[in-house]
Amino acid sequence: MSSPDRAARTDSLLATSPAVARPAPARADQISTDSAAALKSALASQPEIRPEVVARASALAADPNYPSISIIRHVAGQILAAPDLSESEA
């Protein structure tokens, strides 16, 4: 014995339930080299040696407090915490 109002209620639930989005079909990876020429042109327009960068590097190299002890310890800690990729995991 089924009630006629059950069928109506089911239909109304189906009509008001949100649509389930279907996943988009997978697309093949693509690469575009359209901007490669612009990048090469921009790189070619840069000077090979930048005097202001060389001057800053020279000043830092002459500074006995550069890099600071805290920076050295921080970098050392990161090196020690990094996994040893030369060891193979079996």
PDB file of N, CA and C in Angstrom:
ATOM      1  N   MET A   1       0.836  -1.173   0.000  1.00  0.00           N
ATOM      2  CA  MET A   1       0.000   0.000   0.000  1.00  0.00           C
ATOM      3  C   MET A   1       0.882   1.238   0.000  1.00  0.00           C
ATOM      4  N   SER A   2       0.950   1.842  -1.111  1.00  0.00           N
ATOM      5  CA  SER A   2       1.733   3.064  -1.147  1.00  0.00           C
ATOM      6  C   SER A   2       0.808   4.249  -1.211  1.00  0.00           C
ATOM      7  N   SER A   3       1.243   5.299  -0.640  1.00  0.00           N
ATOM      8  CA  SER A   3       0.447   6.511  -0.582  1.00  0.00           C
ATOM      9  C   SER A   3       0.730   7.339  -1.828  1.00  0.00           C
ATOM     10  N   PRO A   4      -0.260   7.906  -2.473  1.00  0.00           N
ATOM     11  CA  PRO A   4      -0.030   8.703  -3.672  1.00  0.00           C
ATOM     12  C   PRO A   4       0.786   9.964  -3.390  1.00  0.00           C
ATOM     13  N   ASP A   5       0.775  10.460  -2.127  1.00  0.00           N
ATOM     14  CA  ASP A   5       1.532  11.686  -1.854  1.00  0.00           C
ATOM     15  C   ASP A   5       3.034  11.414  -1.737  1.00  0.00           C
ATOM     16  N   ARG A   6       3.416  10.156  -1.528  1.00  0.00           N
ATOM     17  CA  ARG A   6       4.857   9.836  -1.466  1.00  0.00           C
ATOM     18  C   ARG A   6       5.513  10.053  -2.821  1.00  0.00           C
ATOM     19  N   ALA A   7       4.878   9.624  -3.855  1.00  0.00           N
ATOM     20  CA  ALA A   7       5.448   9.801  -5.186  1.00  0.00           C
ATOM     21  C   ALA A   7       5.587  11.280  -5.520  1.00  0.00           C
ATOM     22  N   ALA A   8       4.622  12.066  -5.154  1.00  0.00           N
ATOM     23  CA  ALA A   8       4.680  13.501  -5.428  1.00  0.00           C
ATOM     24  C   ALA A   8       5.819  14.140  -4.641  1.00  0.00           C
ATOM     25  N   ARG A   9       6.003  13.715  -3.407  1.00  0.00           N
ATOM     26  CA  ARG A   9       7.062  14.274  -2.584  1.00  0.00           C
ATOM     27  C   ARG A   9       8.439  13.926  -3.149  1.00  0.00           C
ATOM     28  N   THR A  10       8.611  12.724  -3.635  1.00  0.00           N
ATOM     29  CA  THR A  10       9.870  12.305  -4.230  1.00  0.00           C
ATOM     30  C   THR A  10      10.180  13.145  -5.453  1.00  0.00           C
ATOM     31  N   ASP A  11       9.189  13.384  -6.292  1.00  0.00           N
ATOM     32  CA  ASP A  11       9.396  14.196  -7.481  1.00  0.00           C
ATOM     33  C   ASP A  11       9.797  15.620  -7.126  1.00  0.00           C
ATOM     34  N   SER A  12       9.183  16.163  -6.086  1.00  0.00           N
ATOM     35  CA  SER A  12       9.524  17.533  -5.706  1.00  0.00           C
ATOM     36  C   SER A  12      10.928  17.606  -5.123  1.00  0.00           C
ATOM     37  N   LEU A  13      11.353  16.547  -4.423  1.00  0.00           N
ATOM     38  CA  LEU A  13      12.723  16.539  -3.902  1.00  0.00           C
ATOM     39  C   LEU A  13      13.735  16.477  -5.026  1.00  0.00           C
ATOM     40  N   LEU A  14      13.455  15.671  -6.024  1.00  0.00           N
ATOM     41  CA  LEU A  14      14.372  15.560  -7.147  1.00  0.00           C
ATOM     42  C   LEU A  14      14.459  16.866  -7.916  1.00  0.00           C
ATOM     43  N   ALA A  15      13.346  17.550  -8.049  1.00  0.00           N
ATOM     44  CA  ALA A  15      13.324  18.789  -8.813  1.00  0.00           C
ATOM     45  C   ALA A  15      14.051  19.916  -8.092  1.00  0.00           C
ATOM     46  N   THR A  16      14.072  19.898  -6.753  1.00  0.00           N
ATOM     47  CA  THR A  16      14.691  21.001  -6.017  1.00  0.00           C
ATOM     48  C   THR A  16      16.104  20.698  -5.550  1.00  0.00           C
ATOM     49  N   SER A  17      16.564  19.467  -5.725  1.00  0.00           N
ATOM     50  CA  SER A  17      17.919  19.163  -5.273  1.00  0.00           C
ATOM     51  C   SER A  17      18.924  19.814  -6.211  1.00  0.00           C
ATOM     52  N   PRO A  18      20.057  20.277  -5.662  1.00  0.00           N
ATOM     53  CA  PRO A  18      21.038  20.952  -6.519  1.00  0.00           C
ATOM     54  C   PRO A  18      21.656  19.975  -7.510  1.00  0.00           C
ATOM     55  N   ALA A  19      21.957  20.473  -8.669  1.00  0.00           N
ATOM     56  CA  ALA A  19      22.565  19.647  -9.701  1.00  0.00           C
ATOM     57  C   ALA A  19      23.993  19.306  -9.292  1.00  0.00           C
ATOM     58  N   VAL A  20      24.371  18.095  -9.539  1.00  0.00           N
ATOM     59  CA  VAL A  20      25.728  17.658  -9.239  1.00  0.00           C
ATOM     60  C   VAL A  20      26.603  18.019 -10.422  1.00  0.00           C
ATOM     61  N   ALA A  21      27.668  18.748 -10.148  1.00  0.00           N
ATOM     62  CA  ALA A  21      28.560  19.159 -11.224  1.00  0.00           C
ATOM     63  C   ALA A  21      29.384  17.966 -11.691  1.00  0.00           C
ATOM     64  N   ARG A  22      29.431  17.774 -12.966  1.00  0.00           N
ATOM     65  CA  ARG A  22      30.254  16.705 -13.517  1.00  0.00           C
ATOM     66  C   ARG A  22      31.672  17.213 -13.665  1.00  0.00           C
ATOM     67  N   PRO A  23      32.629  16.369 -13.355  1.00  0.00           N
ATOM     68  CA  PRO A  23      34.018  16.822 -13.528  1.00  0.00           C
ATOM     69  C   PRO A  23      34.314  17.056 -15.006  1.00  0.00           C
ATOM     70  N   ALA A  24      35.115  18.074 -15.249  1.00  0.00           N
ATOM     71  CA  ALA A  24      35.481  18.389 -16.627  1.00  0.00           C
ATOM     72  C   ALA A  24      36.385  17.283 -17.164  1.00  0.00           C
ATOM     73  N   PRO A  25      36.267  16.970 -18.424  1.00  0.00           N
ATOM     74  CA  PRO A  25      37.143  15.933 -18.982  1.00  0.00           C
ATOM     75  C   PRO A  25      38.592  16.395 -18.912  1.00  0.00           C
ATOM     76  N   ALA A  26      39.475  15.453 -18.673  1.00  0.00           N
ATOM     77  CA  ALA A  26      40.899  15.783 -18.552  1.00  0.00           C
ATOM     78  C   ALA A  26      41.415  16.276 -19.890  1.00  0.00           C
ATOM     79  N   ARG A  27      42.202  17.354 -19.811  1.00  0.00           N
ATOM     80  CA  ARG A  27      42.811  17.894 -21.030  1.00  0.00           C
ATOM     81  C   ARG A  27      44.294  17.554 -21.027  1.00  0.00           C
ATOM     82  N   ALA A  28      44.836  17.383 -22.169  1.00  0.00           N
ATOM     83  CA  ALA A  28      46.267  17.108 -22.280  1.00  0.00           C
ATOM     84  C   ALA A  28      47.045  18.357 -21.895  1.00  0.00           C
ATOM     85  N   ASP A  29      48.222  18.169 -21.305  1.00  0.00           N
ATOM     86  CA  ASP A  29      49.071  19.300 -20.963  1.00  0.00           C
ATOM     87  C   ASP A  29      49.455  20.037 -22.235  1.00  0.00           C
ATOM     88  N   GLN A  30      49.528  21.363 -22.106  1.00  0.00           N
ATOM     89  CA  GLN A  30      49.880  22.184 -23.252  1.00  0.00           C
ATOM     90  C   GLN A  30      50.940  23.183 -22.834  1.00  0.00           C
ATOM     91  N   ILE A  31      51.755  23.591 -23.755  1.00  0.00           N
ATOM     92  CA  ILE A  31      52.749  24.635 -23.503  1.00  0.00           C
ATOM     93  C   ILE A  31      52.665  25.633 -24.650  1.00  0.00           C
ATOM     94  N   SER A  32      52.792  26.886 -24.281  1.00  0.00           N
ATOM     95  CA  SER A  32      52.768  27.929 -25.287  1.00  0.00           C
ATOM     96  C   SER A  32      54.096  28.672 -25.234  1.00  0.00           C
ATOM     97  N   THR A  33      54.729  28.809 -26.365  1.00  0.00           N
ATOM     98  CA  THR A  33      55.998  29.522 -26.438  1.00  0.00           C
ATOM     99  C   THR A  33      55.818  30.891 -27.084  1.00  0.00           C
ATOM    100  N   ASP A  34      54.584  31.372 -27.102  1.00  0.00           N
ATOM    101  CA  ASP A  34      54.307  32.661 -27.730  1.00  0.00           C
ATOM    102  C   ASP A  34      55.099  33.796 -27.093  1.00  0.00           C
ATOM    103  N   SER A  35      55.276  33.759 -25.780  1.00  0.00           N
ATOM    104  CA  SER A  35      55.967  34.855 -25.106  1.00  0.00           C
ATOM    105  C   SER A  35      57.472  34.623 -24.989  1.00  0.00           C
ATOM    106  N   ALA A  36      57.978  33.521 -25.501  1.00  0.00           N
ATOM    107  CA  ALA A  36      59.404  33.232 -25.402  1.00  0.00           C
ATOM    108  C   ALA A  36      60.247  34.297 -26.109  1.00  0.00           C
ATOM    109  N   ALA A  37      59.807  34.753 -27.251  1.00  0.00           N
ATOM    110  CA  ALA A  37      60.556  35.758 -27.997  1.00  0.00           C
ATOM    111  C   ALA A  37      60.619  37.062 -27.214  1.00  0.00           C
ATOM    112  N   ALA A  38      59.514  37.438 -26.568  1.00  0.00           N
ATOM    113  CA  ALA A  38      59.503  38.665 -25.770  1.00  0.00           C
ATOM    114  C   ALA A  38      60.435  38.530 -24.566  1.00  0.00           C
ATOM    115  N   LEU A  39      60.449  37.355 -23.942  1.00  0.00           N
ATOM    116  CA  LEU A  39      61.351  37.139 -22.808  1.00  0.00           C
ATOM    117  C   LEU A  39      62.814  37.188 -23.236  1.00  0.00           C
ATOM    118  N   LYS A  40      63.113  36.566 -24.366  1.00  0.00           N
ATOM    119  CA  LYS A  40      64.492  36.593 -24.874  1.00  0.00           C
ATOM    120  C   LYS A  40      64.915  38.025 -25.204  1.00  0.00           C
ATOM    121  N   SER A  41      64.018  38.804 -25.758  1.00  0.00           N
ATOM    122  CA  SER A  41      64.314  40.191 -26.100  1.00  0.00           C
ATOM    123  C   SER A  41      64.571  41.018 -24.843  1.00  0.00           C
ATOM    124  N   ALA A  42      63.734  40.816 -23.816  1.00  0.00           N
ATOM    125  CA  ALA A  42      63.909  41.549 -22.556  1.00  0.00           C
ATOM    126  C   ALA A  42      65.223  41.169 -21.892  1.00  0.00           C
ATOM    127  N   LEU A  43      65.572  39.897 -21.933  1.00  0.00           N
ATOM    128  CA  LEU A  43      66.838  39.449 -21.354  1.00  0.00           C
ATOM    129  C   LEU A  43      68.024  40.025 -22.118  1.00  0.00           C
ATOM    130  N   ALA A  44      67.921  40.054 -23.438  1.00  0.00           N
ATOM    131  CA  ALA A  44      69.012  40.587 -24.257  1.00  0.00           C
ATOM    132  C   ALA A  44      69.226  42.072 -24.012  1.00  0.00           C
ATOM    133  N   SER A  45      68.164  42.786 -23.597  1.00  0.00           N
ATOM    134  CA  SER A  45      68.308  44.228 -23.368  1.00  0.00           C
ATOM    135  C   SER A  45      68.941  44.546 -22.016  1.00  0.00           C
ATOM    136  N   GLN A  46      69.084  43.551 -21.149  1.00  0.00           N
ATOM    137  CA  GLN A  46      69.718  43.762 -19.847  1.00  0.00           C
ATOM    138  C   GLN A  46      71.236  43.697 -19.996  1.00  0.00           C
ATOM    139  N   PRO A  47      71.954  44.542 -19.268  1.00  0.00           N
ATOM    140  CA  PRO A  47      73.415  44.475 -19.352  1.00  0.00           C
ATOM    141  C   PRO A  47      73.918  43.164 -18.748  1.00  0.00           C
ATOM    142  N   GLU A  48      75.013  42.646 -19.313  1.00  0.00           N
ATOM    143  CA  GLU A  48      75.567  41.387 -18.836  1.00  0.00           C
ATOM    144  C   GLU A  48      76.139  41.539 -17.432  1.00  0.00           C
ATOM    145  N   ILE A  49      76.745  42.682 -17.165  1.00  0.00           N
ATOM    146  CA  ILE A  49      77.299  42.968 -15.837  1.00  0.00           C
ATOM    147  C   ILE A  49      76.621  44.218 -15.312  1.00  0.00           C
ATOM    148  N   ARG A  50      76.070  44.124 -14.101  1.00  0.00           N
ATOM    149  CA  ARG A  50      75.396  45.266 -13.485  1.00  0.00           C
ATOM    150  C   ARG A  50      76.319  45.844 -12.418  1.00  0.00           C
ATOM    151  N   PRO A  51      76.917  47.012 -12.666  1.00  0.00           N
ATOM    152  CA  PRO A  51      77.908  47.584 -11.749  1.00  0.00           C
ATOM    153  C   PRO A  51      77.386  47.788 -10.326  1.00  0.00           C
ATOM    154  N   GLU A  52      76.094  48.154 -10.166  1.00  0.00           N
ATOM    155  CA  GLU A  52      75.567  48.380  -8.819  1.00  0.00           C
ATOM    156  C   GLU A  52      75.495  47.074  -8.020  1.00  0.00           C
ATOM    157  N   VAL A  53      75.239  45.967  -8.697  1.00  0.00           N
ATOM    158  CA  VAL A  53      75.191  44.674  -8.020  1.00  0.00           C
ATOM    159  C   VAL A  53      76.606  44.230  -7.652  1.00  0.00           C
ATOM    160  N   VAL A  54      77.544  44.465  -8.536  1.00  0.00           N
ATOM    161  CA  VAL A  54      78.943  44.126  -8.247  1.00  0.00           C
ATOM    162  C   VAL A  54      79.444  44.945  -7.067  1.00  0.00           C
ATOM    163  N   ALA A  55      79.092  46.229  -7.005  1.00  0.00           N
ATOM    164  CA  ALA A  55      79.523  47.083  -5.891  1.00  0.00           C
ATOM    165  C   ALA A  55      78.933  46.596  -4.571  1.00  0.00           C
ATOM    166  N   ARG A  56      77.672  46.213  -4.574  1.00  0.00           N
ATOM    167  CA  ARG A  56      77.043  45.693  -3.348  1.00  0.00           C
ATOM    168  C   ARG A  56      77.701  44.392  -2.917  1.00  0.00           C
ATOM    169  N   ALA A  57      77.968  43.496  -3.844  1.00  0.00           N
ATOM    170  CA  ALA A  57      78.624  42.224  -3.520  1.00  0.00           C
ATOM    171  C   ALA A  57      80.017  42.465  -2.961  1.00  0.00           C
ATOM    172  N   SER A  58      80.730  43.412  -3.531  1.00  0.00           N
ATOM    173  CA  SER A  58      82.078  43.724  -3.036  1.00  0.00           C
ATOM    174  C   SER A  58      82.023  44.257  -1.611  1.00  0.00           C
ATOM    175  N   ALA A  59      81.039  45.119  -1.333  1.00  0.00           N
ATOM    176  CA  ALA A  59      80.893  45.669   0.017  1.00  0.00           C
ATOM    177  C   ALA A  59      80.535  44.573   1.020  1.00  0.00           C
ATOM    178  N   LEU A  60      79.659  43.677   0.649  1.00  0.00           N
ATOM    179  CA  LEU A  60      79.286  42.585   1.549  1.00  0.00           C
ATOM    180  C   LEU A  60      80.449  41.630   1.769  1.00  0.00           C
ATOM    181  N   ALA A  61      81.209  41.354   0.731  1.00  0.00           N
ATOM    182  CA  ALA A  61      82.368  40.457   0.866  1.00  0.00           C
ATOM    183  C   ALA A  61      83.419  41.052   1.787  1.00  0.00           C
ATOM    184  N   ALA A  62      83.535  42.384   1.827  1.00  0.00           N
ATOM    185  CA  ALA A  62      84.525  43.042   2.671  1.00  0.00           C
ATOM    186  C   ALA A  62      84.043  43.195   4.112  1.00  0.00           C
ATOM    187  N   ASP A  63      82.757  43.004   4.369  1.00  0.00           N
ATOM    188  CA  ASP A  63      82.189  43.165   5.705  1.00  0.00           C
ATOM    189  C   ASP A  63      82.412  41.894   6.518  1.00  0.00           C
ATOM    190  N   PRO A  64      83.215  41.956   7.603  1.00  0.00           N
ATOM    191  CA  PRO A  64      83.486  40.746   8.392  1.00  0.00           C
ATOM    192  C   PRO A  64      82.255  40.249   9.163  1.00  0.00           C
ATOM    193  N   ASN A  65      81.225  41.070   9.304  1.00  0.00           N
ATOM    194  CA  ASN A  65      80.010  40.666  10.010  1.00  0.00           C
ATOM    195  C   ASN A  65      78.908  40.154   9.084  1.00  0.00           C
ATOM    196  N   TYR A  66      79.248  39.975   7.813  1.00  0.00           N
ATOM    197  CA  TYR A  66      78.257  39.477   6.873  1.00  0.00           C
ATOM    198  C   TYR A  66      78.628  38.075   6.433  1.00  0.00           C
ATOM    199  N   PRO A  67      77.777  37.151   6.432  1.00  0.00           N
ATOM    200  CA  PRO A  67      76.450  37.163   7.028  1.00  0.00           C
ATOM    201  C   PRO A  67      76.545  37.061   8.549  1.00  0.00           C
ATOM    202  N   SER A  68      75.503  37.487   9.208  1.00  0.00           N
ATOM    203  CA  SER A  68      75.503  37.478  10.665  1.00  0.00           C
ATOM    204  C   SER A  68      75.482  36.042  11.199  1.00  0.00           C
ATOM    205  N   ILE A  69      75.872  35.884  12.442  1.00  0.00           N
ATOM    206  CA  ILE A  69      75.879  34.564  13.079  1.00  0.00           C
ATOM    207  C   ILE A  69      74.466  33.963  13.064  1.00  0.00           C
ATOM    208  N   SER A  70      73.445  34.791  13.296  1.00  0.00           N
ATOM    209  CA  SER A  70      72.081  34.253  13.307  1.00  0.00           C
ATOM    210  C   SER A  70      71.685  33.711  11.940  1.00  0.00           C
ATOM    211  N   ILE A  71      72.109  34.369  10.884  1.00  0.00           N
ATOM    212  CA  ILE A  71      71.806  33.886   9.534  1.00  0.00           C
ATOM    213  C   ILE A  71      72.555  32.575   9.273  1.00  0.00           C
ATOM    214  N   ILE A  72      73.814  32.507   9.678  1.00  0.00           N
ATOM    215  CA  ILE A  72      74.594  31.279   9.481  1.00  0.00           C
ATOM    216  C   ILE A  72      73.948  30.119  10.230  1.00  0.00           C
ATOM    217  N   ARG A  73      73.530  30.358  11.462  1.00  0.00           N
ATOM    218  CA  ARG A  73      72.892  29.288  12.247  1.00  0.00           C
ATOM    219  C   ARG A  73      71.564  28.861  11.624  1.00  0.00           C
ATOM    220  N   HIS A  74      70.819  29.827  11.130  1.00  0.00           N
ATOM    221  CA  HIS A  74      69.535  29.507  10.497  1.00  0.00           C
ATOM    222  C   HIS A  74      69.750  28.635   9.260  1.00  0.00           C
ATOM    223  N   VAL A  75      70.684  29.021   8.408  1.00  0.00           N
ATOM    224  CA  VAL A  75      70.963  28.253   7.192  1.00  0.00           C
ATOM    225  C   VAL A  75      71.504  26.870   7.560  1.00  0.00           C
ATOM    226  N   ALA A  76      72.379  26.806   8.563  1.00  0.00           N
ATOM    227  CA  ALA A  76      72.916  25.517   8.999  1.00  0.00           C
ATOM    228  C   ALA A  76      71.801  24.603   9.497  1.00  0.00           C
ATOM    229  N   GLY A  77      70.855  25.165  10.228  1.00  0.00           N
ATOM    230  CA  GLY A  77      69.726  24.379  10.708  1.00  0.00           C
ATOM    231  C   GLY A  77      68.890  23.831   9.574  1.00  0.00           C
ATOM    232  N   GLN A  78      68.691  24.645   8.538  1.00  0.00           N
ATOM    233  CA  GLN A  78      67.919  24.180   7.384  1.00  0.00           C
ATOM    234  C   GLN A  78      68.658  23.066   6.646  1.00  0.00           C
ATOM    235  N   ILE A  79      69.967  23.198   6.549  1.00  0.00           N
ATOM    236  CA  ILE A  79      70.759  22.158   5.883  1.00  0.00           C
ATOM    237  C   ILE A  79      70.676  20.852   6.660  1.00  0.00           C
ATOM    238  N   LEU A  80      70.817  20.942   7.981  1.00  0.00           N
ATOM    239  CA  LEU A  80      70.758  19.736   8.804  1.00  0.00           C
ATOM    240  C   LEU A  80      69.377  19.087   8.777  1.00  0.00           C
ATOM    241  N   ALA A  81      68.334  19.884   8.654  1.00  0.00           N
ATOM    242  CA  ALA A  81      66.969  19.350   8.649  1.00  0.00           C
ATOM    243  C   ALA A  81      66.553  18.788   7.301  1.00  0.00           C
ATOM    244  N   ALA A  82      67.294  19.119   6.256  1.00  0.00           N
ATOM    245  CA  ALA A  82      66.952  18.667   4.903  1.00  0.00           C
ATOM    246  C   ALA A  82      67.258  17.176   4.767  1.00  0.00           C
ATOM    247  N   PRO A  83      66.429  16.450   4.032  1.00  0.00           N
ATOM    248  CA  PRO A  83      66.698  15.020   3.850  1.00  0.00           C
ATOM    249  C   PRO A  83      67.931  14.806   2.997  1.00  0.00           C
ATOM    250  N   ASP A  84      68.629  13.715   3.261  1.00  0.00           N
ATOM    251  CA  ASP A  84      69.802  13.359   2.480  1.00  0.00           C
ATOM    252  C   ASP A  84      69.324  12.583   1.257  1.00  0.00           C
ATOM    253  N   LEU A  85      69.304  13.235   0.113  1.00  0.00           N
ATOM    254  CA  LEU A  85      68.771  12.632  -1.095  1.00  0.00           C
ATOM    255  C   LEU A  85      69.731  11.621  -1.718  1.00  0.00           C
ATOM    256  N   SER A  86      70.965  11.560  -1.204  1.00  0.00           N
ATOM    257  CA  SER A  86      71.901  10.591  -1.742  1.00  0.00           C
ATOM    258  C   SER A  86      71.650   9.186  -1.195  1.00  0.00           C
ATOM    259  N   GLU A  87      70.892   9.114  -0.083  1.00  0.00           N
ATOM    260  CA  GLU A  87      70.550   7.814   0.483  1.00  0.00           C
ATOM    261  C   GLU A  87      69.262   7.342  -0.153  1.00  0.00           C
ATOM    262  N   SER A  88      69.276   6.144  -0.697  1.00  0.00           N
ATOM    263  CA  SER A  88      68.058   5.630  -1.309  1.00  0.00           C
ATOM    264  C   SER A  88      67.186   5.011  -0.234  1.00  0.00           C
ATOM    265  N   GLU A  89      65.892   5.237  -0.397  1.00  0.00           N
ATOM    266  CA  GLU A  89      64.937   4.648   0.540  1.00  0.00           C
ATOM    267  C   GLU A  89      64.533   3.280   0.019  1.00  0.00           C
ATOM    268  N   ALA A  90      64.719   2.275   0.833  1.00  0.00           N
ATOM    269  CA  ALA A  90      64.382   0.918   0.384  1.00  0.00           C
ATOM    270  C   ALA A  90      63.040   0.489   0.917  1.00  0.00           C
TER     271      ALA A  90
END
